Amino acid sequence: MEENQTSKILYDIDEGKYYTNESLIKGIINNHINTSDGRFDSDYIYDENGKVIMNEQYVIGSGKRAEVIRALGFSDHPSKAECDAAMTTINIEAYPGKRITVHKRLVGEVQEIFKLLKQAGVELNEYIGGYCFRAINNPTKKGSKTLSMHSFGCAIDINFNLNGFVAHGKPWTSGDDTKIGKIRTVNSPIVKAFAQYGWGWGGRYGDYMHFSKANGG
C-alpha cells in the first residue's frame, strides 16, 4: 500500500468495526502492533469499496516455505479469497470441544499430530491457533511483506499464552512441561509429534508456540 493512498479503512474482525485512524492503520500496515502475550494482530485493510488491499504488496517468500505453499496449490501472490477457499474448520478428534482451521489437504495429518499430543499427555488450553490471513508479524520482522504461514493453513500455534515469542532466540529460564503444554526444547514431545509429519518448530528463532510445514518458518 502506498503511504499516500487515500480512504484507508481498518476493519477489526474481532470487534466487527471499521476504523479510519490513519496512525493506527499505518502501524498495522507496518506490522508495529504486537501483543505481549504472543497473540498476533489479525485485522485486514480494506479500501473505501470494501476490497481487501493488504495482500497486494505481499508475497509468499522463497526457499522451503515457497515450495510448501506452491505444493498446497497457492499462487505466488495469493489473495485472501484464494486462501479462504482452501481452508476448513475441523473438530480435533483427540480433544473433544477443540476446533481449528487449517488447509483442507492437511486435515488428516493435523488430526494425527493431535492424537500424538494426546497420547503424550499434552494438555491443550483455549490458546491454539491455525489459519489467519496476515503478514509475518513479530518483533524481529517489522515491515515484512511476506505472508505468514498461518495465511496458508499450514501453521499452528500451541498454547500461546504459555509459549510466547522471545526476540533474538533468547532462551527461557524454565524447561518443558508436557502436562500443561509448555514447550521450551527440541526434546518436548510436542516438537517431536509435529516433526513426525515434517512440521518444524519456531522455537529455533524464538517463536516457541509456532509449528509449520516449512521448518518452523
N, C-alpha and C. Protein backbone atom coordinates (compact mmCIF):
# COMPACT_ATOMS: atom_id res chain seq x y z
N MET A 1 0.85 -1.20 0.00
CA MET A 1 0.00 0.00 0.00
C MET A 1 0.88 1.24 0.00
N GLU A 2 0.57 2.22 -0.86
CA GLU A 2 1.31 3.48 -0.87
C GLU A 2 0.93 4.28 0.36
N GLU A 3 1.93 4.98 0.90
CA GLU A 3 1.66 5.74 2.12
C GLU A 3 0.67 6.86 1.89
N ASN A 4 0.62 7.38 0.65
CA ASN A 4 -0.28 8.49 0.38
C ASN A 4 -1.65 8.04 -0.12
N GLN A 5 -1.90 6.73 -0.05
CA GLN A 5 -3.19 6.23 -0.51
C GLN A 5 -4.30 6.82 0.34
N THR A 6 -5.39 7.21 -0.29
CA THR A 6 -6.50 7.82 0.45
C THR A 6 -7.56 6.79 0.79
N SER A 7 -8.46 7.19 1.66
CA SER A 7 -9.62 6.38 2.04
C SER A 7 -9.22 5.03 2.63
N LYS A 8 -8.15 5.02 3.43
CA LYS A 8 -7.79 3.77 4.10
C LYS A 8 -8.80 3.50 5.21
N ILE A 9 -9.18 2.24 5.34
CA ILE A 9 -10.12 1.84 6.37
C ILE A 9 -9.61 0.59 7.04
N LEU A 10 -9.64 0.56 8.35
CA LEU A 10 -9.26 -0.62 9.11
C LEU A 10 -10.52 -1.33 9.57
N TYR A 11 -10.59 -2.63 9.27
CA TYR A 11 -11.72 -3.42 9.75
C TYR A 11 -11.22 -4.39 10.80
N ASP A 12 -11.71 -4.26 12.02
CA ASP A 12 -11.34 -5.14 13.12
C ASP A 12 -12.29 -6.33 13.11
N ILE A 13 -11.78 -7.51 12.72
CA ILE A 13 -12.67 -8.66 12.60
C ILE A 13 -13.15 -9.18 13.94
N ASP A 14 -12.41 -8.87 15.01
CA ASP A 14 -12.83 -9.31 16.33
C ASP A 14 -13.98 -8.46 16.86
N GLU A 15 -13.89 -7.16 16.61
CA GLU A 15 -14.90 -6.24 17.11
C GLU A 15 -16.02 -6.00 16.09
N GLY A 16 -15.75 -6.32 14.83
CA GLY A 16 -16.74 -6.08 13.80
C GLY A 16 -16.95 -4.60 13.53
N LYS A 17 -15.88 -3.82 13.66
CA LYS A 17 -15.98 -2.37 13.50
C LYS A 17 -14.96 -1.87 12.48
N TYR A 18 -15.30 -0.75 11.83
CA TYR A 18 -14.39 -0.08 10.93
C TYR A 18 -13.74 1.11 11.65
N TYR A 19 -12.46 1.36 11.34
CA TYR A 19 -11.76 2.50 11.90
C TYR A 19 -11.05 3.25 10.78
N THR A 20 -10.91 4.55 10.94
CA THR A 20 -10.24 5.35 9.91
C THR A 20 -9.05 6.12 10.47
N ASN A 21 -8.62 5.79 11.70
CA ASN A 21 -7.48 6.47 12.31
C ASN A 21 -6.22 6.17 11.51
N GLU A 22 -5.65 7.19 10.86
CA GLU A 22 -4.53 6.98 9.96
C GLU A 22 -3.29 6.42 10.66
N SER A 23 -2.99 6.92 11.85
CA SER A 23 -1.79 6.44 12.54
C SER A 23 -1.93 4.99 12.97
N LEU A 24 -3.12 4.60 13.39
CA LEU A 24 -3.36 3.21 13.78
C LEU A 24 -3.23 2.30 12.56
N ILE A 25 -3.83 2.72 11.46
CA ILE A 25 -3.77 1.91 10.24
C ILE A 25 -2.34 1.78 9.76
N LYS A 26 -1.59 2.86 9.78
CA LYS A 26 -0.19 2.80 9.35
C LYS A 26 0.60 1.84 10.22
N GLY A 27 0.32 1.83 11.51
CA GLY A 27 1.01 0.92 12.42
C GLY A 27 0.75 -0.53 12.07
N ILE A 28 -0.48 -0.85 11.72
CA ILE A 28 -0.82 -2.22 11.35
C ILE A 28 -0.18 -2.60 10.03
N ILE A 29 -0.22 -1.70 9.07
CA ILE A 29 0.39 -1.97 7.78
C ILE A 29 1.87 -2.28 7.94
N ASN A 30 2.54 -1.57 8.83
CA ASN A 30 3.97 -1.76 9.05
C ASN A 30 4.27 -2.83 10.09
N ASN A 31 3.22 -3.54 10.52
CA ASN A 31 3.39 -4.63 11.49
C ASN A 31 4.00 -4.16 12.81
N HIS A 32 3.57 -3.00 13.27
CA HIS A 32 4.11 -2.48 14.52
C HIS A 32 3.22 -2.80 15.71
N ILE A 33 2.11 -3.44 15.48
CA ILE A 33 1.21 -3.77 16.58
C ILE A 33 1.42 -5.23 16.97
N ASN A 34 1.89 -5.44 18.18
CA ASN A 34 2.09 -6.78 18.71
C ASN A 34 1.53 -6.82 20.11
N THR A 35 1.04 -7.95 20.54
CA THR A 35 0.53 -8.06 21.90
C THR A 35 1.51 -8.83 22.77
N SER A 36 1.56 -8.48 24.03
CA SER A 36 2.57 -9.04 24.92
C SER A 36 2.41 -10.52 25.18
N ASP A 37 1.22 -11.07 24.97
CA ASP A 37 1.01 -12.48 25.28
C ASP A 37 1.28 -13.40 24.09
N GLY A 38 1.80 -12.84 23.01
CA GLY A 38 2.16 -13.67 21.88
C GLY A 38 1.09 -13.77 20.82
N ARG A 39 -0.10 -13.23 21.09
CA ARG A 39 -1.14 -13.27 20.08
C ARG A 39 -0.86 -12.23 19.01
N PHE A 40 -1.30 -12.51 17.79
CA PHE A 40 -0.99 -11.64 16.67
C PHE A 40 -2.20 -10.83 16.25
N ASP A 41 -1.94 -9.62 15.74
CA ASP A 41 -2.98 -8.82 15.15
C ASP A 41 -3.56 -9.56 13.94
N SER A 42 -4.88 -9.54 13.79
CA SER A 42 -5.49 -10.26 12.68
C SER A 42 -6.44 -9.37 11.89
N ASP A 43 -6.16 -8.06 11.89
CA ASP A 43 -7.01 -7.13 11.14
C ASP A 43 -6.68 -7.19 9.65
N TYR A 44 -7.64 -6.77 8.85
CA TYR A 44 -7.44 -6.68 7.41
C TYR A 44 -7.61 -5.22 6.99
N ILE A 45 -6.92 -4.82 5.93
CA ILE A 45 -7.02 -3.46 5.43
C ILE A 45 -7.88 -3.46 4.17
N TYR A 46 -8.90 -2.60 4.14
CA TYR A 46 -9.82 -2.51 3.02
C TYR A 46 -9.76 -1.11 2.42
N ASP A 47 -10.13 -0.98 1.14
CA ASP A 47 -10.30 0.34 0.58
C ASP A 47 -11.75 0.78 0.82
N GLU A 48 -12.10 1.95 0.27
CA GLU A 48 -13.43 2.50 0.56
C GLU A 48 -14.56 1.68 -0.05
N ASN A 49 -14.22 0.77 -0.95
CA ASN A 49 -15.23 -0.08 -1.56
C ASN A 49 -15.34 -1.46 -0.90
N GLY A 50 -14.59 -1.65 0.17
CA GLY A 50 -14.63 -2.90 0.88
C GLY A 50 -13.72 -3.97 0.32
N LYS A 51 -12.85 -3.61 -0.62
CA LYS A 51 -11.92 -4.57 -1.21
C LYS A 51 -10.69 -4.72 -0.33
N VAL A 52 -10.28 -5.97 -0.07
CA VAL A 52 -9.06 -6.19 0.70
C VAL A 52 -7.86 -5.75 -0.13
N ILE A 53 -7.03 -4.88 0.44
CA ILE A 53 -5.88 -4.38 -0.31
C ILE A 53 -4.56 -4.75 0.35
N MET A 54 -4.61 -5.34 1.56
CA MET A 54 -3.37 -5.66 2.25
C MET A 54 -2.50 -6.60 1.43
N ASN A 55 -3.11 -7.59 0.77
CA ASN A 55 -2.33 -8.62 0.12
C ASN A 55 -1.66 -8.15 -1.17
N GLU A 56 -1.99 -6.98 -1.68
CA GLU A 56 -1.49 -6.55 -2.97
C GLU A 56 0.02 -6.40 -3.01
N GLN A 57 0.66 -6.11 -1.89
CA GLN A 57 2.10 -5.93 -1.88
C GLN A 57 2.80 -7.07 -1.14
N TYR A 58 2.09 -8.13 -0.88
CA TYR A 58 2.65 -9.23 -0.11
C TYR A 58 3.00 -10.42 -0.99
N VAL A 59 3.96 -11.21 -0.52
CA VAL A 59 4.47 -12.33 -1.30
C VAL A 59 4.53 -13.59 -0.44
N ILE A 60 4.81 -14.73 -1.08
CA ILE A 60 4.87 -15.99 -0.33
C ILE A 60 6.25 -16.28 0.22
N GLY A 61 7.26 -15.52 -0.24
CA GLY A 61 8.62 -15.76 0.23
C GLY A 61 9.37 -16.67 -0.72
N SER A 62 10.42 -17.31 -0.23
CA SER A 62 11.26 -18.14 -1.09
C SER A 62 11.71 -19.40 -0.34
N GLY A 63 12.50 -20.23 -1.02
CA GLY A 63 13.05 -21.42 -0.38
C GLY A 63 12.00 -22.45 -0.02
N LYS A 64 12.24 -23.13 1.10
CA LYS A 64 11.38 -24.22 1.55
C LYS A 64 9.94 -23.76 1.73
N ARG A 65 9.76 -22.59 2.32
CA ARG A 65 8.39 -22.11 2.58
C ARG A 65 7.62 -21.94 1.27
N ALA A 66 8.28 -21.37 0.25
CA ALA A 66 7.63 -21.17 -1.04
C ALA A 66 7.27 -22.51 -1.68
N GLU A 67 8.16 -23.49 -1.55
CA GLU A 67 7.89 -24.82 -2.10
C GLU A 67 6.64 -25.43 -1.46
N VAL A 68 6.55 -25.31 -0.15
CA VAL A 68 5.40 -25.86 0.58
C VAL A 68 4.12 -25.15 0.15
N ILE A 69 4.17 -23.82 0.06
CA ILE A 69 2.99 -23.04 -0.29
C ILE A 69 2.50 -23.37 -1.69
N ARG A 70 3.43 -23.46 -2.63
CA ARG A 70 3.05 -23.80 -4.01
C ARG A 70 2.50 -25.22 -4.09
N ALA A 71 3.09 -26.13 -3.32
CA ALA A 71 2.63 -27.52 -3.32
C ALA A 71 1.20 -27.63 -2.80
N LEU A 72 0.79 -26.67 -1.98
CA LEU A 72 -0.58 -26.66 -1.45
C LEU A 72 -1.55 -26.00 -2.42
N GLY A 73 -1.03 -25.55 -3.57
CA GLY A 73 -1.90 -25.03 -4.62
C GLY A 73 -2.05 -23.54 -4.70
N PHE A 74 -1.22 -22.78 -3.98
CA PHE A 74 -1.35 -21.33 -3.98
C PHE A 74 -0.51 -20.67 -5.07
N SER A 75 -0.94 -19.50 -5.49
CA SER A 75 -0.18 -18.70 -6.44
C SER A 75 0.91 -17.94 -5.69
N ASP A 76 1.78 -17.26 -6.41
CA ASP A 76 2.87 -16.51 -5.77
C ASP A 76 2.39 -15.22 -5.13
N HIS A 77 1.21 -14.74 -5.50
CA HIS A 77 0.63 -13.54 -4.90
C HIS A 77 -0.82 -13.82 -4.54
N PRO A 78 -1.03 -14.68 -3.56
CA PRO A 78 -2.39 -15.11 -3.23
C PRO A 78 -3.22 -14.02 -2.57
N SER A 79 -4.48 -14.01 -2.89
CA SER A 79 -5.42 -13.09 -2.25
C SER A 79 -6.02 -13.75 -1.02
N LYS A 80 -6.68 -12.95 -0.22
CA LYS A 80 -7.36 -13.52 0.95
C LYS A 80 -8.45 -14.49 0.50
N ALA A 81 -9.14 -14.15 -0.58
CA ALA A 81 -10.19 -15.03 -1.07
C ALA A 81 -9.63 -16.39 -1.49
N GLU A 82 -8.45 -16.38 -2.11
CA GLU A 82 -7.82 -17.63 -2.51
C GLU A 82 -7.48 -18.48 -1.30
N CYS A 83 -6.97 -17.83 -0.28
CA CYS A 83 -6.60 -18.56 0.95
C CYS A 83 -7.84 -19.06 1.68
N ASP A 84 -8.85 -18.20 1.79
CA ASP A 84 -10.09 -18.61 2.46
C ASP A 84 -10.66 -19.88 1.84
N ALA A 85 -10.63 -19.94 0.51
CA ALA A 85 -11.25 -21.05 -0.20
C ALA A 85 -10.55 -22.38 0.04
N ALA A 86 -9.29 -22.33 0.47
CA ALA A 86 -8.52 -23.56 0.69
C ALA A 86 -8.65 -24.10 2.11
N MET A 87 -9.40 -23.40 2.96
CA MET A 87 -9.44 -23.76 4.38
C MET A 87 -10.69 -24.53 4.77
N THR A 88 -10.56 -25.23 5.89
CA THR A 88 -11.71 -25.87 6.51
C THR A 88 -11.51 -25.87 8.02
N THR A 89 -12.59 -25.77 8.75
CA THR A 89 -12.54 -25.81 10.21
C THR A 89 -12.94 -27.20 10.68
N ILE A 90 -12.09 -27.79 11.50
CA ILE A 90 -12.32 -29.17 11.94
C ILE A 90 -12.48 -29.26 13.45
N ASN A 91 -13.18 -30.28 13.86
CA ASN A 91 -13.20 -30.64 15.28
C ASN A 91 -11.99 -31.54 15.53
N ILE A 92 -11.18 -31.21 16.53
CA ILE A 92 -9.99 -32.00 16.82
C ILE A 92 -10.43 -33.27 17.55
N GLU A 93 -10.30 -34.40 16.88
CA GLU A 93 -10.82 -35.65 17.40
C GLU A 93 -10.24 -36.04 18.75
N ALA A 94 -8.96 -35.81 18.94
CA ALA A 94 -8.30 -36.21 20.18
C ALA A 94 -8.64 -35.29 21.35
N TYR A 95 -9.17 -34.11 21.04
CA TYR A 95 -9.50 -33.13 22.07
C TYR A 95 -10.93 -32.63 21.84
N PRO A 96 -11.92 -33.39 22.30
CA PRO A 96 -13.32 -33.00 22.11
C PRO A 96 -13.58 -31.57 22.57
N GLY A 97 -14.28 -30.83 21.73
CA GLY A 97 -14.59 -29.44 22.05
C GLY A 97 -13.60 -28.44 21.47
N LYS A 98 -12.45 -28.92 21.00
CA LYS A 98 -11.45 -28.05 20.40
C LYS A 98 -11.62 -28.04 18.88
N ARG A 99 -11.47 -26.87 18.29
CA ARG A 99 -11.58 -26.74 16.83
C ARG A 99 -10.41 -25.91 16.32
N ILE A 100 -10.09 -26.13 15.04
CA ILE A 100 -9.01 -25.35 14.43
C ILE A 100 -9.25 -25.29 12.92
N THR A 101 -8.83 -24.19 12.30
CA THR A 101 -8.97 -24.03 10.87
C THR A 101 -7.62 -24.23 10.20
N VAL A 102 -7.57 -25.14 9.24
CA VAL A 102 -6.32 -25.48 8.55
C VAL A 102 -6.61 -25.71 7.06
N HIS A 103 -5.57 -25.92 6.28
CA HIS A 103 -5.72 -26.23 4.86
C HIS A 103 -6.43 -27.58 4.71
N LYS A 104 -7.31 -27.65 3.72
CA LYS A 104 -8.10 -28.87 3.51
C LYS A 104 -7.22 -30.10 3.28
N ARG A 105 -6.08 -29.92 2.62
CA ARG A 105 -5.22 -31.05 2.31
C ARG A 105 -4.46 -31.58 3.53
N LEU A 106 -4.46 -30.81 4.61
CA LEU A 106 -3.67 -31.18 5.78
C LEU A 106 -4.50 -31.74 6.92
N VAL A 107 -5.79 -31.88 6.71
CA VAL A 107 -6.68 -32.31 7.79
C VAL A 107 -6.23 -33.64 8.41
N GLY A 108 -5.92 -34.62 7.56
CA GLY A 108 -5.54 -35.94 8.07
C GLY A 108 -4.34 -35.90 8.96
N GLU A 109 -3.27 -35.27 8.51
CA GLU A 109 -2.06 -35.26 9.33
C GLU A 109 -2.20 -34.38 10.56
N VAL A 110 -3.00 -33.33 10.47
CA VAL A 110 -3.23 -32.50 11.65
C VAL A 110 -3.96 -33.31 12.72
N GLN A 111 -4.94 -34.09 12.33
CA GLN A 111 -5.64 -34.95 13.29
C GLN A 111 -4.67 -35.94 13.92
N GLU A 112 -3.77 -36.50 13.13
CA GLU A 112 -2.80 -37.47 13.65
C GLU A 112 -1.82 -36.82 14.61
N ILE A 113 -1.41 -35.59 14.32
CA ILE A 113 -0.49 -34.88 15.21
C ILE A 113 -1.14 -34.67 16.57
N PHE A 114 -2.39 -34.24 16.56
CA PHE A 114 -3.07 -34.02 17.84
C PHE A 114 -3.29 -35.32 18.60
N LYS A 115 -3.46 -36.42 17.88
CA LYS A 115 -3.57 -37.72 18.55
C LYS A 115 -2.26 -38.05 19.27
N LEU A 116 -1.13 -37.73 18.63
CA LEU A 116 0.17 -37.96 19.26
C LEU A 116 0.33 -37.09 20.50
N LEU A 117 -0.15 -35.86 20.42
CA LEU A 117 -0.07 -34.97 21.58
C LEU A 117 -0.89 -35.53 22.74
N LYS A 118 -2.08 -36.02 22.41
CA LYS A 118 -2.94 -36.59 23.45
C LYS A 118 -2.28 -37.81 24.09
N GLN A 119 -1.69 -38.67 23.26
CA GLN A 119 -1.02 -39.86 23.76
C GLN A 119 0.15 -39.51 24.67
N ALA A 120 0.78 -38.37 24.41
CA ALA A 120 1.92 -37.93 25.22
C ALA A 120 1.48 -37.22 26.49
N GLY A 121 0.17 -37.04 26.65
CA GLY A 121 -0.34 -36.39 27.85
C GLY A 121 -0.33 -34.89 27.80
N VAL A 122 -0.28 -34.33 26.60
CA VAL A 122 -0.25 -32.87 26.45
C VAL A 122 -1.63 -32.28 26.67
N GLU A 123 -1.69 -31.24 27.49
CA GLU A 123 -2.94 -30.54 27.72
C GLU A 123 -3.03 -29.33 26.80
N LEU A 124 -4.12 -29.20 26.08
CA LEU A 124 -4.35 -28.02 25.25
C LEU A 124 -5.31 -27.09 25.95
N ASN A 125 -4.96 -25.81 26.01
CA ASN A 125 -5.90 -24.84 26.55
C ASN A 125 -6.60 -24.13 25.39
N GLU A 126 -7.26 -23.02 25.67
CA GLU A 126 -8.02 -22.35 24.62
C GLU A 126 -7.14 -21.54 23.68
N TYR A 127 -5.85 -21.44 23.99
CA TYR A 127 -4.96 -20.60 23.20
C TYR A 127 -4.22 -21.41 22.13
N ILE A 128 -4.98 -21.86 21.13
CA ILE A 128 -4.37 -22.52 19.99
C ILE A 128 -4.85 -21.79 18.73
N GLY A 129 -4.01 -21.75 17.72
CA GLY A 129 -4.38 -21.00 16.54
C GLY A 129 -3.94 -21.67 15.26
N GLY A 130 -4.73 -21.52 14.20
CA GLY A 130 -4.40 -22.06 12.90
C GLY A 130 -4.42 -20.97 11.84
N TYR A 131 -5.38 -21.06 10.93
CA TYR A 131 -5.45 -20.13 9.81
C TYR A 131 -5.72 -18.70 10.24
N CYS A 132 -4.95 -17.77 9.69
CA CYS A 132 -5.17 -16.34 9.89
C CYS A 132 -4.45 -15.62 8.75
N PHE A 133 -5.18 -14.94 7.89
CA PHE A 133 -4.56 -14.26 6.75
C PHE A 133 -3.90 -12.97 7.23
N ARG A 134 -2.57 -12.96 7.20
CA ARG A 134 -1.79 -11.80 7.65
C ARG A 134 -0.35 -11.96 7.22
N ALA A 135 0.38 -10.86 7.34
CA ALA A 135 1.81 -10.90 7.06
C ALA A 135 2.55 -11.45 8.27
N ILE A 136 3.80 -11.85 8.06
CA ILE A 136 4.66 -12.22 9.18
C ILE A 136 4.66 -11.03 10.14
N ASN A 137 4.46 -11.31 11.39
CA ASN A 137 4.28 -10.22 12.36
C ASN A 137 4.93 -10.60 13.67
N ASN A 138 6.22 -10.27 13.81
CA ASN A 138 6.89 -10.46 15.09
C ASN A 138 7.91 -9.36 15.27
N PRO A 139 8.40 -9.15 16.48
CA PRO A 139 9.27 -8.01 16.78
C PRO A 139 10.55 -7.93 15.96
N THR A 140 11.00 -9.03 15.37
CA THR A 140 12.25 -9.00 14.61
C THR A 140 12.02 -8.85 13.11
N LYS A 141 10.74 -8.83 12.68
CA LYS A 141 10.46 -8.75 11.25
C LYS A 141 9.42 -7.69 10.95
N LYS A 142 9.55 -6.53 11.58
CA LYS A 142 8.61 -5.44 11.35
C LYS A 142 8.72 -4.97 9.90
N GLY A 143 7.58 -4.68 9.31
CA GLY A 143 7.56 -4.21 7.95
C GLY A 143 7.67 -5.31 6.91
N SER A 144 7.55 -6.56 7.33
CA SER A 144 7.67 -7.67 6.39
C SER A 144 6.57 -7.63 5.36
N LYS A 145 6.91 -8.00 4.13
CA LYS A 145 5.93 -8.10 3.05
C LYS A 145 5.59 -9.56 2.76
N THR A 146 6.12 -10.47 3.55
CA THR A 146 5.90 -11.90 3.32
C THR A 146 4.73 -12.38 4.16
N LEU A 147 3.80 -13.09 3.52
CA LEU A 147 2.65 -13.61 4.26
C LEU A 147 3.08 -14.71 5.22
N SER A 148 2.48 -14.70 6.40
CA SER A 148 2.74 -15.74 7.39
C SER A 148 2.28 -17.09 6.88
N MET A 149 2.92 -18.15 7.37
CA MET A 149 2.46 -19.50 7.02
C MET A 149 1.05 -19.75 7.54
N HIS A 150 0.62 -18.97 8.53
CA HIS A 150 -0.75 -19.08 9.01
C HIS A 150 -1.74 -18.72 7.90
N SER A 151 -1.32 -17.87 6.97
CA SER A 151 -2.19 -17.47 5.87
C SER A 151 -2.52 -18.62 4.93
N PHE A 152 -1.72 -19.68 5.01
CA PHE A 152 -1.90 -20.81 4.10
C PHE A 152 -2.42 -22.06 4.82
N GLY A 153 -2.80 -21.89 6.08
CA GLY A 153 -3.38 -23.00 6.82
C GLY A 153 -2.42 -24.12 7.12
N CYS A 154 -1.11 -23.81 7.08
CA CYS A 154 -0.11 -24.85 7.35
C CYS A 154 0.79 -24.44 8.50
N ALA A 155 0.23 -23.71 9.44
CA ALA A 155 0.94 -23.34 10.67
C ALA A 155 -0.03 -23.40 11.83
N ILE A 156 0.47 -23.85 12.97
CA ILE A 156 -0.35 -23.98 14.17
C ILE A 156 0.41 -23.44 15.36
N ASP A 157 -0.27 -22.64 16.16
CA ASP A 157 0.30 -22.15 17.42
C ASP A 157 -0.31 -22.94 18.57
N ILE A 158 0.54 -23.42 19.46
CA ILE A 158 0.10 -24.25 20.59
C ILE A 158 0.23 -23.49 21.91
N ASN A 159 -0.89 -23.37 22.61
CA ASN A 159 -0.91 -22.76 23.96
C ASN A 159 -0.09 -21.47 24.00
N PHE A 160 -0.48 -20.50 23.16
CA PHE A 160 0.37 -19.32 23.04
C PHE A 160 0.37 -18.41 24.25
N ASN A 161 -0.46 -18.67 25.24
CA ASN A 161 -0.34 -17.93 26.49
C ASN A 161 0.85 -18.42 27.32
N LEU A 162 1.31 -19.65 27.04
CA LEU A 162 2.45 -20.22 27.76
C LEU A 162 3.73 -20.20 26.92
N ASN A 163 3.58 -20.13 25.62
CA ASN A 163 4.72 -20.26 24.71
C ASN A 163 4.82 -19.04 23.80
N GLY A 164 5.29 -17.95 24.35
CA GLY A 164 5.33 -16.70 23.60
C GLY A 164 6.51 -16.57 22.66
N PHE A 165 6.63 -15.40 22.05
CA PHE A 165 7.76 -15.10 21.18
C PHE A 165 8.84 -14.41 21.99
N VAL A 166 10.07 -14.89 21.86
CA VAL A 166 11.21 -14.29 22.55
C VAL A 166 12.17 -13.76 21.50
N ALA A 167 12.34 -12.46 21.43
CA ALA A 167 13.17 -11.85 20.39
C ALA A 167 14.59 -12.38 20.41
N HIS A 168 15.14 -12.55 19.21
CA HIS A 168 16.52 -12.97 19.01
C HIS A 168 16.83 -14.35 19.58
N GLY A 169 15.79 -15.16 19.79
CA GLY A 169 16.01 -16.52 20.25
C GLY A 169 16.51 -16.63 21.68
N LYS A 170 16.35 -15.59 22.47
CA LYS A 170 16.79 -15.64 23.87
C LYS A 170 16.05 -16.77 24.58
N PRO A 171 16.77 -17.67 25.22
CA PRO A 171 16.12 -18.85 25.81
C PRO A 171 15.31 -18.51 27.06
N TRP A 172 14.30 -19.30 27.30
CA TRP A 172 13.54 -19.21 28.53
C TRP A 172 14.36 -19.83 29.66
N THR A 173 14.04 -19.44 30.87
CA THR A 173 14.77 -19.97 32.01
C THR A 173 14.17 -21.27 32.51
N SER A 174 12.92 -21.55 32.14
CA SER A 174 12.28 -22.77 32.60
C SER A 174 12.26 -23.82 31.49
N GLY A 175 12.06 -25.08 31.87
CA GLY A 175 12.09 -26.17 30.89
C GLY A 175 10.71 -26.58 30.41
N ASP A 176 10.68 -27.69 29.65
CA ASP A 176 9.42 -28.22 29.13
C ASP A 176 8.51 -28.66 30.28
N ASP A 177 7.23 -28.55 30.04
CA ASP A 177 6.24 -29.08 30.97
C ASP A 177 5.11 -29.67 30.12
N THR A 178 5.23 -30.96 29.86
CA THR A 178 4.30 -31.62 28.95
C THR A 178 2.87 -31.54 29.44
N LYS A 179 2.67 -31.69 30.73
CA LYS A 179 1.31 -31.76 31.27
C LYS A 179 0.49 -30.53 30.93
N ILE A 180 1.09 -29.35 31.01
CA ILE A 180 0.35 -28.13 30.71
C ILE A 180 0.64 -27.62 29.29
N GLY A 181 1.44 -28.36 28.53
CA GLY A 181 1.69 -27.99 27.15
C GLY A 181 2.69 -26.86 26.97
N LYS A 182 3.65 -26.76 27.87
CA LYS A 182 4.68 -25.73 27.75
C LYS A 182 5.86 -26.29 26.96
N ILE A 183 6.33 -25.54 25.96
CA ILE A 183 7.38 -26.00 25.05
C ILE A 183 8.62 -25.12 25.21
N ARG A 184 9.77 -25.76 25.49
CA ARG A 184 11.00 -24.99 25.65
C ARG A 184 12.19 -25.58 24.91
N THR A 185 12.19 -26.88 24.61
CA THR A 185 13.34 -27.52 23.98
C THR A 185 12.91 -28.46 22.86
N VAL A 186 13.87 -28.87 22.05
CA VAL A 186 13.59 -29.82 20.96
C VAL A 186 13.21 -31.19 21.49
N ASN A 187 13.42 -31.42 22.79
CA ASN A 187 13.06 -32.70 23.40
C ASN A 187 11.59 -32.77 23.82
N SER A 188 10.89 -31.68 23.67
CA SER A 188 9.47 -31.67 24.02
C SER A 188 8.71 -32.66 23.15
N PRO A 189 7.82 -33.44 23.75
CA PRO A 189 7.01 -34.38 22.96
C PRO A 189 6.13 -33.66 21.93
N ILE A 190 5.87 -32.40 22.17
CA ILE A 190 5.08 -31.62 21.22
C ILE A 190 5.90 -31.38 19.96
N VAL A 191 7.15 -30.99 20.14
CA VAL A 191 8.05 -30.78 19.00
C VAL A 191 8.22 -32.08 18.22
N LYS A 192 8.40 -33.17 18.95
CA LYS A 192 8.61 -34.48 18.32
C LYS A 192 7.38 -34.95 17.55
N ALA A 193 6.19 -34.68 18.08
CA ALA A 193 4.96 -35.10 17.41
C ALA A 193 4.81 -34.37 16.07
N PHE A 194 5.02 -33.09 16.07
CA PHE A 194 4.92 -32.33 14.82
C PHE A 194 6.00 -32.76 13.84
N ALA A 195 7.20 -33.04 14.35
CA ALA A 195 8.32 -33.42 13.49
C ALA A 195 8.04 -34.72 12.73
N GLN A 196 7.26 -35.61 13.33
CA GLN A 196 6.93 -36.88 12.66
C GLN A 196 6.21 -36.67 11.34
N TYR A 197 5.56 -35.52 11.21
CA TYR A 197 4.84 -35.21 9.98
C TYR A 197 5.48 -34.06 9.20
N GLY A 198 6.75 -33.79 9.53
CA GLY A 198 7.50 -32.80 8.77
C GLY A 198 7.23 -31.35 9.13
N TRP A 199 6.62 -31.12 10.29
CA TRP A 199 6.36 -29.75 10.73
C TRP A 199 7.53 -29.28 11.60
N GLY A 200 8.08 -28.12 11.28
CA GLY A 200 9.19 -27.58 12.05
C GLY A 200 8.72 -26.70 13.19
N TRP A 201 9.59 -26.51 14.16
CA TRP A 201 9.29 -25.73 15.37
C TRP A 201 9.91 -24.35 15.28
N GLY A 202 9.13 -23.33 15.61
CA GLY A 202 9.62 -21.96 15.58
C GLY A 202 10.51 -21.60 16.74
N GLY A 203 10.65 -22.48 17.71
CA GLY A 203 11.48 -22.17 18.88
C GLY A 203 12.94 -21.93 18.54
N ARG A 204 13.38 -22.41 17.38
CA ARG A 204 14.78 -22.22 17.00
C ARG A 204 15.10 -20.75 16.77
N TYR A 205 14.06 -19.93 16.50
CA TYR A 205 14.30 -18.49 16.37
C TYR A 205 13.46 -17.69 17.37
N GLY A 206 12.98 -18.37 18.40
CA GLY A 206 12.32 -17.68 19.50
C GLY A 206 10.81 -17.69 19.50
N ASP A 207 10.17 -18.33 18.49
CA ASP A 207 8.71 -18.38 18.42
C ASP A 207 8.25 -19.73 18.96
N TYR A 208 8.19 -19.84 20.26
CA TYR A 208 8.02 -21.12 20.93
C TYR A 208 6.66 -21.78 20.70
N MET A 209 5.65 -21.02 20.40
CA MET A 209 4.30 -21.56 20.20
C MET A 209 4.12 -22.18 18.82
N HIS A 210 5.01 -21.84 17.87
CA HIS A 210 4.75 -21.97 16.44
C HIS A 210 5.29 -23.23 15.79
N PHE A 211 4.44 -23.86 14.97
CA PHE A 211 4.84 -25.01 14.16
C PHE A 211 4.32 -24.80 12.74
N SER A 212 5.12 -25.19 11.75
CA SER A 212 4.65 -25.07 10.38
C SER A 212 5.29 -26.12 9.48
N LYS A 213 4.71 -26.25 8.28
CA LYS A 213 5.23 -27.22 7.30
C LYS A 213 6.52 -26.74 6.67
N ALA A 214 6.98 -25.56 7.00
CA ALA A 214 8.21 -25.02 6.39
C ALA A 214 9.31 -24.89 7.43
N ASN A 215 9.59 -25.99 8.13
CA ASN A 215 10.67 -26.00 9.11
C ASN A 215 10.52 -24.92 10.17
N GLY A 216 9.29 -24.63 10.54
CA GLY A 216 9.04 -23.65 11.60
C GLY A 216 8.89 -22.24 11.10
N GLY A 217 9.13 -22.00 9.80
CA GLY A 217 9.08 -20.64 9.27
C GLY A 217 7.67 -20.10 9.11
